[in-house]
Amino acid sequence: MYIINIEREQILHLFRALLRQCTYLPDPAARNHLHSHIVSRFRDYHPSNIKSKTNRDGKPVRLVQQRRPTLIKTAKKGLKYLQRANDGHPLHLGKILSMTYGRIGKGRHLLLKNLRLPDVPVDEVAKEILLDPREQGVPHPSQQLTTLIGSQRRQKLLLFPGRRHPTQAPKIPAKNKWGRPMPVKRVRNMKRRWYAESLDRVMPPLPEEDWNRLQKLVSGETPWEGPVPRRGPDKVVGFKRDLMRYPRLLSSPHTITARYMRRLWGKIFVQCPVMRVDASRKTGWEVKWGNAKAAPVFGLRNKNDESMSPMFEGVNEKGGIVEKRNEGLEWTNPITVHRHRNFSGWEELRDWKAMT
């Protein structure tokens, strides 16, 4: 009985620590997404959801007892992951943002549901295609999915790290290795495999409301609200946080600033399309991808701007100091010129030094 109480206390402290770390995330959408995810995962194994005389649809008691040590271990790993994300590790915080905006995880599969719905045949030609023996028992991609695949293939592959572009259509040879017509069963398997790979590689479109909100965050139109103040150290039974630098990780802690968050949001935004119905197009859909270049560029103004001329007076276009010996004659700093090996004006340089 004492051991059971200790385990319950450990689970309760772990649950509270996870929710506390969610409140420290720098993205409000990530805070809501992770909070609902953690609550739903703990609620699945709550005693009220265990199979009993009053709850026939719950999980068996033996299954819950068997999974409990693994679930506690997974929750502790998740707590460390959230702590590293709140410390500014780009890999950990970037993955949480990808989960929030449906690039990976459960949210991605929920966004893919609309793409899996097949089109309703509207004419006799479409009905005849469906009656073909090779098309029976095979998932048929919708026009929305086909349009999205073609649009994603035109994007740069570097914008999707760790992924490959989906193919537009399955490559099915007319004959097999022995020169015979391709069997119907193999054609079906090839189409099923292509459909599964396409869903695995395609980036599902975001709802237009979420896409517009992310665009405003990337462009700086919606200012970042700043980091959430910490309430105190985490105290979890049987858990010790490692405060040292993580040598085995490929990232290091980073100070979370507005510029840092716009960079992370920009990497996610370029992977997020939005689709709108457009009857004027042949496919019937308009696909628009995010553009991280919409973020404000902090740099110098136009060189012809007169308001900036006093600031850069006496400096040439390459950043060298311009000094005047006489009116209408400009001389470059000799220290800068001396570094060029092919400089041939040694006599002019000597005369300049004599005059100064």
Protein backbone atom coordinates (compact mmCIF):
# COMPACT_ATOMS: atom_id res chain seq x y z
CA MET A 1 0.00 0.00 0.00
CA TYR A 2 2.89 2.36 0.79
CA ILE A 3 4.51 1.58 -2.56
CA ILE A 4 1.26 2.35 -4.38
CA ASN A 5 0.95 5.73 -2.62
CA ILE A 6 4.57 6.61 -3.55
CA GLU A 7 3.87 5.73 -7.18
CA ARG A 8 0.70 7.82 -7.22
CA GLU A 9 2.57 10.76 -5.72
CA GLN A 10 5.31 10.38 -8.33
CA ILE A 11 2.78 10.31 -11.17
CA LEU A 12 0.93 13.34 -9.80
CA HIS A 13 4.15 15.36 -9.41
CA LEU A 14 5.24 14.33 -12.90
CA PHE A 15 1.89 15.37 -14.34
CA ARG A 16 2.06 18.79 -12.67
CA ALA A 17 5.68 19.32 -13.79
CA LEU A 18 4.74 18.57 -17.40
CA LEU A 19 1.86 21.04 -17.31
CA ARG A 20 4.13 23.64 -15.68
CA GLN A 21 6.71 23.26 -18.44
CA CYS A 22 3.96 23.68 -21.05
CA THR A 23 3.17 27.12 -19.66
CA TYR A 24 6.81 28.20 -20.27
CA LEU A 25 6.74 27.49 -24.02
CA PRO A 26 7.29 30.67 -26.06
CA ASP A 27 4.48 29.92 -28.52
CA PRO A 28 0.89 30.28 -27.25
CA ALA A 29 -0.40 27.71 -29.76
CA ALA A 30 2.26 25.22 -28.58
CA ARG A 31 1.20 25.76 -24.98
CA ASN A 32 -2.42 24.88 -25.75
CA HIS A 33 -1.50 21.94 -27.99
CA LEU A 34 0.91 20.31 -25.53
CA HIS A 35 -1.42 20.93 -22.59
CA SER A 36 -4.34 19.13 -24.24
CA HIS A 37 -2.03 16.33 -25.44
CA ILE A 38 -0.60 15.67 -21.95
CA VAL A 39 -4.02 15.78 -20.28
CA SER A 40 -5.49 13.36 -22.81
CA ARG A 41 -2.58 10.90 -22.44
CA PHE A 42 -2.81 10.85 -18.64
CA ARG A 43 -6.59 10.62 -18.78
CA ASP A 44 -6.43 7.50 -20.95
CA TYR A 45 -4.82 5.62 -18.04
CA HIS A 46 -6.74 7.25 -15.21
CA PRO A 47 -8.38 4.80 -12.76
CA SER A 48 -11.80 5.95 -13.97
CA ASN A 49 -10.97 4.62 -17.45
CA ILE A 50 -9.87 1.18 -16.25
CA LYS A 51 -12.17 -1.70 -17.04
CA SER A 52 -14.45 -2.57 -14.12
CA LYS A 53 -17.99 -3.63 -13.38
CA THR A 54 -19.25 -0.11 -13.99
CA ASN A 55 -16.97 0.62 -16.96
CA ARG A 56 -16.96 -2.21 -19.49
CA ASP A 57 -15.24 -0.16 -22.21
CA GLY A 58 -12.15 0.74 -20.17
CA LYS A 59 -8.64 -0.71 -20.44
CA PRO A 60 -7.95 -4.04 -18.67
CA VAL A 61 -6.26 -3.78 -15.29
CA ARG A 62 -3.46 -6.14 -16.32
CA LEU A 63 -2.68 -4.04 -19.39
CA VAL A 64 -2.49 -0.83 -17.33
CA GLN A 65 -0.19 -2.42 -14.75
CA GLN A 66 2.03 -3.80 -17.49
CA ARG A 67 2.37 -0.45 -19.28
CA ARG A 68 2.71 1.78 -16.21
CA PRO A 69 6.54 1.60 -15.80
CA THR A 70 7.04 2.32 -19.51
CA LEU A 71 4.58 5.21 -19.43
CA ILE A 72 6.31 6.78 -16.40
CA LYS A 73 9.67 6.48 -18.16
CA THR A 74 8.22 8.06 -21.31
CA ALA A 75 6.74 10.92 -19.28
CA LYS A 76 10.12 11.62 -17.65
CA LYS A 77 11.77 11.75 -21.06
CA GLY A 78 9.06 14.11 -22.23
CA LEU A 79 9.68 16.35 -19.22
CA LYS A 80 13.38 16.59 -20.08
CA TYR A 81 12.46 17.31 -23.68
CA LEU A 82 10.21 20.20 -22.65
CA GLN A 83 12.88 21.59 -20.34
CA ARG A 84 15.43 21.59 -23.14
CA ALA A 85 12.93 23.25 -25.47
CA ASN A 86 12.33 25.97 -22.89
CA ASP A 87 16.10 26.41 -22.58
CA GLY A 88 16.18 27.35 -26.26
CA HIS A 89 17.56 24.20 -27.91
CA PRO A 90 16.65 24.65 -31.59
CA LEU A 91 16.13 20.92 -32.28
CA HIS A 92 13.78 20.40 -29.35
CA LEU A 93 11.86 23.65 -29.70
CA GLY A 94 11.65 23.19 -33.48
CA LYS A 95 10.16 19.72 -33.07
CA ILE A 96 7.53 20.99 -30.65
CA LEU A 97 6.59 23.72 -33.12
CA SER A 98 6.37 21.10 -35.88
CA MET A 99 3.97 19.08 -33.72
CA THR A 100 1.93 22.19 -32.96
CA TYR A 101 1.43 23.17 -36.60
CA GLY A 102 0.77 19.65 -37.85
CA ARG A 103 4.05 18.89 -39.63
CA ILE A 104 4.63 15.75 -37.54
CA GLY A 105 2.74 13.76 -34.95
CA LYS A 106 -0.94 13.30 -34.30
CA GLY A 107 -1.90 16.74 -35.59
CA ARG A 108 -0.49 15.87 -39.00
CA HIS A 109 -2.66 12.76 -39.29
CA LEU A 110 -5.73 14.77 -38.31
CA LEU A 111 -5.01 17.25 -41.12
CA LEU A 112 -4.55 14.39 -43.60
CA LYS A 113 -8.10 13.14 -43.06
CA ASN A 114 -9.58 15.63 -45.51
CA LEU A 115 -7.02 14.68 -48.15
CA ARG A 116 -7.95 11.00 -47.92
CA LEU A 117 -11.56 11.58 -48.96
CA PRO A 118 -11.96 10.38 -52.56
CA ASP A 119 -13.76 12.44 -55.17
CA VAL A 120 -17.34 11.49 -56.05
CA PRO A 121 -17.57 10.39 -59.72
CA VAL A 122 -19.49 12.99 -61.68
CA ASP A 123 -19.56 11.49 -65.17
CA GLU A 124 -19.65 8.13 -66.92
CA VAL A 125 -15.91 8.20 -67.72
CA ALA A 126 -15.01 8.32 -64.03
CA LYS A 127 -17.43 5.46 -63.31
CA GLU A 128 -15.88 3.28 -66.02
CA ILE A 129 -12.43 3.87 -64.58
CA LEU A 130 -13.60 2.74 -61.16
CA LEU A 131 -15.10 -0.42 -62.68
CA ASP A 132 -11.70 -1.45 -64.05
CA PRO A 133 -10.42 -4.59 -62.23
CA ARG A 134 -7.07 -2.90 -61.63
CA GLU A 135 -8.81 0.02 -59.90
CA GLN A 136 -10.93 -2.05 -57.54
CA GLY A 137 -9.68 -2.37 -53.97
CA VAL A 138 -7.21 0.49 -54.51
CA PRO A 139 -7.35 3.93 -52.81
CA HIS A 140 -8.07 6.68 -55.32
CA PRO A 141 -6.38 10.04 -54.63
CA SER A 142 -8.61 13.07 -54.68
CA GLN A 143 -8.03 16.06 -56.93
CA GLN A 144 -7.05 18.08 -53.86
CA LEU A 145 -4.30 15.60 -52.96
CA THR A 146 -3.03 15.41 -56.55
CA THR A 147 -2.86 19.22 -56.78
CA LEU A 148 -1.00 19.45 -53.47
CA ILE A 149 1.55 16.83 -54.56
CA GLY A 150 2.26 18.70 -57.79
CA SER A 151 2.66 21.97 -55.92
CA GLN A 152 5.01 20.47 -53.33
CA ARG A 153 7.20 18.97 -56.05
CA ARG A 154 7.83 22.49 -57.35
CA GLN A 155 9.16 23.60 -53.97
CA LYS A 156 12.83 23.36 -53.00
CA LEU A 157 13.69 20.09 -51.33
CA LEU A 158 16.01 21.90 -48.88
CA LEU A 159 12.94 23.40 -47.23
CA PHE A 160 11.84 19.92 -46.11
CA PRO A 161 14.78 18.46 -44.14
CA GLY A 162 14.66 14.72 -43.71
CA ARG A 163 11.91 14.25 -46.31
CA ARG A 164 11.59 13.39 -49.97
CA HIS A 165 9.15 14.82 -52.47
CA PRO A 166 6.17 12.62 -53.32
CA THR A 167 5.88 11.31 -56.84
CA GLN A 168 3.05 12.60 -59.00
CA ALA A 169 1.82 9.15 -60.05
CA PRO A 170 2.87 5.51 -59.50
CA LYS A 171 5.40 4.14 -61.97
CA ILE A 172 3.87 0.91 -63.20
CA PRO A 173 5.62 -0.87 -66.09
CA ALA A 174 3.43 -2.42 -68.76
CA LYS A 175 5.26 -5.77 -68.57
CA ASN A 176 7.02 -7.67 -65.83
CA LYS A 177 10.55 -9.05 -65.82
CA TRP A 178 9.62 -12.01 -68.04
CA GLY A 179 7.97 -9.83 -70.72
CA ARG A 180 4.43 -10.73 -69.71
CA PRO A 181 1.62 -8.30 -68.89
CA MET A 182 1.83 -7.01 -65.34
CA PRO A 183 -0.48 -9.03 -63.05
CA VAL A 184 -3.49 -7.22 -61.62
CA LYS A 185 -2.44 -8.04 -58.07
CA ARG A 186 0.98 -6.45 -58.50
CA VAL A 187 -0.59 -3.34 -60.03
CA ARG A 188 -2.85 -3.00 -56.99
CA ASN A 189 0.08 -3.41 -54.60
CA MET A 190 2.11 -0.78 -56.46
CA LYS A 191 -0.76 1.69 -56.28
CA ARG A 192 -1.31 1.01 -52.59
CA ARG A 193 2.39 1.50 -51.90
CA TRP A 194 2.48 4.74 -53.89
CA TYR A 195 -0.58 6.07 -52.06
CA ALA A 196 0.94 5.29 -48.64
CA GLU A 197 4.27 6.91 -49.58
CA SER A 198 2.48 9.99 -50.90
CA LEU A 199 0.58 10.48 -47.64
CA ASP A 200 3.81 9.98 -45.72
CA ARG A 201 5.73 12.61 -47.73
CA VAL A 202 3.11 15.24 -48.47
CA MET A 203 2.68 18.25 -46.18
CA PRO A 204 -1.00 18.66 -45.25
CA PRO A 205 -2.47 22.16 -45.62
CA LEU A 206 -3.13 24.25 -42.55
CA PRO A 207 -6.51 25.84 -41.87
CA GLU A 208 -6.54 29.35 -43.27
CA GLU A 209 -6.96 30.91 -39.81
CA ASP A 210 -3.87 29.15 -38.42
CA TRP A 211 -1.89 29.90 -41.59
CA ASN A 212 -2.64 33.63 -41.39
CA ARG A 213 -1.73 33.75 -37.71
CA LEU A 214 1.59 32.02 -38.37
CA GLN A 215 2.28 34.42 -41.25
CA LYS A 216 1.80 37.41 -38.95
CA LEU A 217 4.19 35.90 -36.40
CA VAL A 218 6.86 35.33 -39.04
CA SER A 219 6.54 38.79 -40.58
CA GLY A 220 6.53 40.49 -37.19
CA GLU A 221 3.07 41.99 -37.73
CA THR A 222 1.98 40.24 -34.54
CA PRO A 223 4.71 41.00 -31.97
CA TRP A 224 6.03 38.22 -29.81
CA GLU A 225 4.66 38.48 -26.29
CA GLY A 226 7.99 37.60 -24.71
CA PRO A 227 9.11 34.75 -22.46
CA VAL A 228 6.84 33.52 -19.69
CA PRO A 229 8.31 34.18 -16.21
CA ARG A 230 9.34 31.08 -14.29
CA ARG A 231 7.61 30.28 -11.02
CA GLY A 232 10.35 28.17 -9.44
CA PRO A 233 12.38 24.95 -9.83
CA ASP A 234 10.67 21.68 -10.71
CA LYS A 235 10.49 19.17 -7.90
CA VAL A 236 9.50 15.72 -9.09
CA VAL A 237 9.68 12.59 -6.98
CA GLY A 238 12.39 10.29 -8.35
CA PHE A 239 13.47 12.80 -11.00
CA LYS A 240 16.67 14.84 -11.09
CA ARG A 241 17.17 17.46 -13.75
CA ASP A 242 20.53 17.60 -15.48
CA LEU A 243 21.51 21.28 -15.52
CA MET A 244 24.84 20.76 -17.29
CA ARG A 245 25.35 21.24 -21.01
CA TYR A 246 24.21 18.22 -22.98
CA PRO A 247 27.37 16.93 -24.74
CA ARG A 248 25.63 14.24 -26.77
CA LEU A 249 23.06 16.56 -28.29
CA LEU A 250 23.49 18.28 -31.61
CA SER A 251 22.21 21.60 -30.24
CA SER A 252 23.04 23.96 -27.40
CA PRO A 253 20.87 26.26 -25.27
CA HIS A 254 19.96 29.54 -26.90
CA THR A 255 18.51 32.74 -25.52
CA ILE A 256 14.91 32.91 -26.68
CA THR A 257 14.35 36.28 -28.32
CA ALA A 258 11.86 37.66 -30.83
CA ARG A 259 14.36 37.28 -33.68
CA TYR A 260 15.12 33.69 -32.66
CA MET A 261 11.43 32.81 -32.59
CA ARG A 262 10.83 34.37 -36.03
CA ARG A 263 13.60 32.20 -37.45
CA LEU A 264 12.04 29.04 -35.98
CA TRP A 265 8.57 30.05 -37.11
CA GLY A 266 9.96 30.78 -40.57
CA LYS A 267 11.36 27.25 -40.91
CA ILE A 268 7.92 25.85 -40.10
CA PHE A 269 6.05 28.39 -42.23
CA VAL A 270 7.80 27.43 -45.48
CA GLN A 271 6.49 23.86 -44.97
CA CYS A 272 2.87 24.95 -44.46
CA PRO A 273 0.57 25.29 -47.48
CA VAL A 274 -2.94 26.64 -47.52
CA MET A 275 -5.51 25.51 -50.09
CA ARG A 276 -8.51 27.46 -51.36
CA VAL A 277 -11.22 26.46 -53.81
CA ASP A 278 -10.70 28.25 -57.13
CA ALA A 279 -13.11 27.42 -59.93
CA SER A 280 -11.07 29.40 -62.46
CA ARG A 281 -8.20 26.91 -62.27
CA LYS A 282 -8.14 23.61 -64.08
CA THR A 283 -7.57 21.61 -60.92
CA GLY A 284 -10.14 23.58 -58.96
CA TRP A 285 -7.70 24.37 -56.14
CA GLU A 286 -5.24 27.15 -55.35
CA VAL A 287 -2.16 26.23 -53.29
CA LYS A 288 -0.14 28.89 -51.50
CA TRP A 289 3.03 28.13 -49.53
CA GLY A 290 4.54 30.13 -46.73
CA ASN A 291 7.42 32.45 -47.47
CA ALA A 292 9.98 33.12 -44.75
CA LYS A 293 11.35 36.10 -46.71
CA ALA A 294 8.36 38.07 -45.58
CA ALA A 295 10.16 38.66 -42.28
CA PRO A 296 11.57 42.18 -41.83
CA VAL A 297 15.19 42.60 -42.93
CA PHE A 298 17.28 44.65 -40.56
CA GLY A 299 19.97 46.41 -42.57
CA LEU A 300 20.99 49.66 -44.17
CA ARG A 301 18.60 51.79 -46.15
CA ASN A 302 19.01 52.77 -49.74
CA LYS A 303 22.45 54.26 -50.37
CA ASN A 304 20.80 57.17 -52.20
CA ASP A 305 18.80 58.08 -49.09
CA GLU A 306 19.95 61.56 -48.06
CA SER A 307 18.89 61.05 -44.44
CA MET A 308 21.61 58.40 -44.02
CA SER A 309 24.44 60.39 -45.66
CA PRO A 310 25.73 62.11 -42.48
CA MET A 311 26.16 58.76 -40.78
CA PHE A 312 28.39 57.32 -43.55
CA GLU A 313 30.29 60.45 -44.47
CA GLY A 314 33.98 59.72 -45.10
CA VAL A 315 33.42 56.01 -45.87
CA ASN A 316 33.37 54.45 -49.33
CA GLU A 317 31.15 51.61 -50.55
CA LYS A 318 33.63 48.95 -49.39
CA GLY A 319 33.84 50.32 -45.87
CA GLY A 320 37.26 51.94 -46.26
CA ILE A 321 37.99 55.33 -44.77
CA VAL A 322 38.18 58.06 -47.40
CA GLU A 323 40.61 60.90 -46.66
CA LYS A 324 41.01 64.04 -48.78
CA ARG A 325 44.46 65.47 -49.63
CA ASN A 326 43.10 68.28 -51.81
CA GLU A 327 39.68 69.28 -53.01
CA GLY A 328 38.33 66.88 -55.59
CA LEU A 329 41.00 64.20 -54.85
CA GLU A 330 40.17 61.26 -52.62
CA TRP A 331 42.72 58.94 -50.98
CA THR A 332 42.07 55.57 -49.44
CA ASN A 333 43.46 54.69 -46.05
CA PRO A 334 47.08 53.50 -46.66
CA ILE A 335 46.72 50.77 -44.05
CA THR A 336 43.93 49.23 -46.10
CA VAL A 337 45.77 49.69 -49.38
CA HIS A 338 49.01 48.22 -48.09
CA ARG A 339 47.36 44.82 -47.64
CA HIS A 340 46.81 44.41 -51.39
CA ARG A 341 49.75 42.55 -52.93
CA ASN A 342 49.22 43.92 -56.43
CA PHE A 343 49.25 47.57 -55.37
CA SER A 344 51.46 49.56 -57.78
CA GLY A 345 51.09 53.14 -56.57
CA TRP A 346 54.03 53.11 -54.16
CA GLU A 347 55.29 56.50 -55.37
CA GLU A 348 51.90 58.14 -54.80
CA LEU A 349 51.76 56.52 -51.36
CA ARG A 350 55.25 57.84 -50.50
CA ASP A 351 54.32 61.34 -51.62
CA TRP A 352 51.15 61.18 -49.58
CA LYS A 353 53.07 60.21 -46.45
CA ALA A 354 55.54 63.06 -47.00
CA MET A 355 52.75 65.58 -47.22
CA THR A 356 51.10 64.34 -44.04
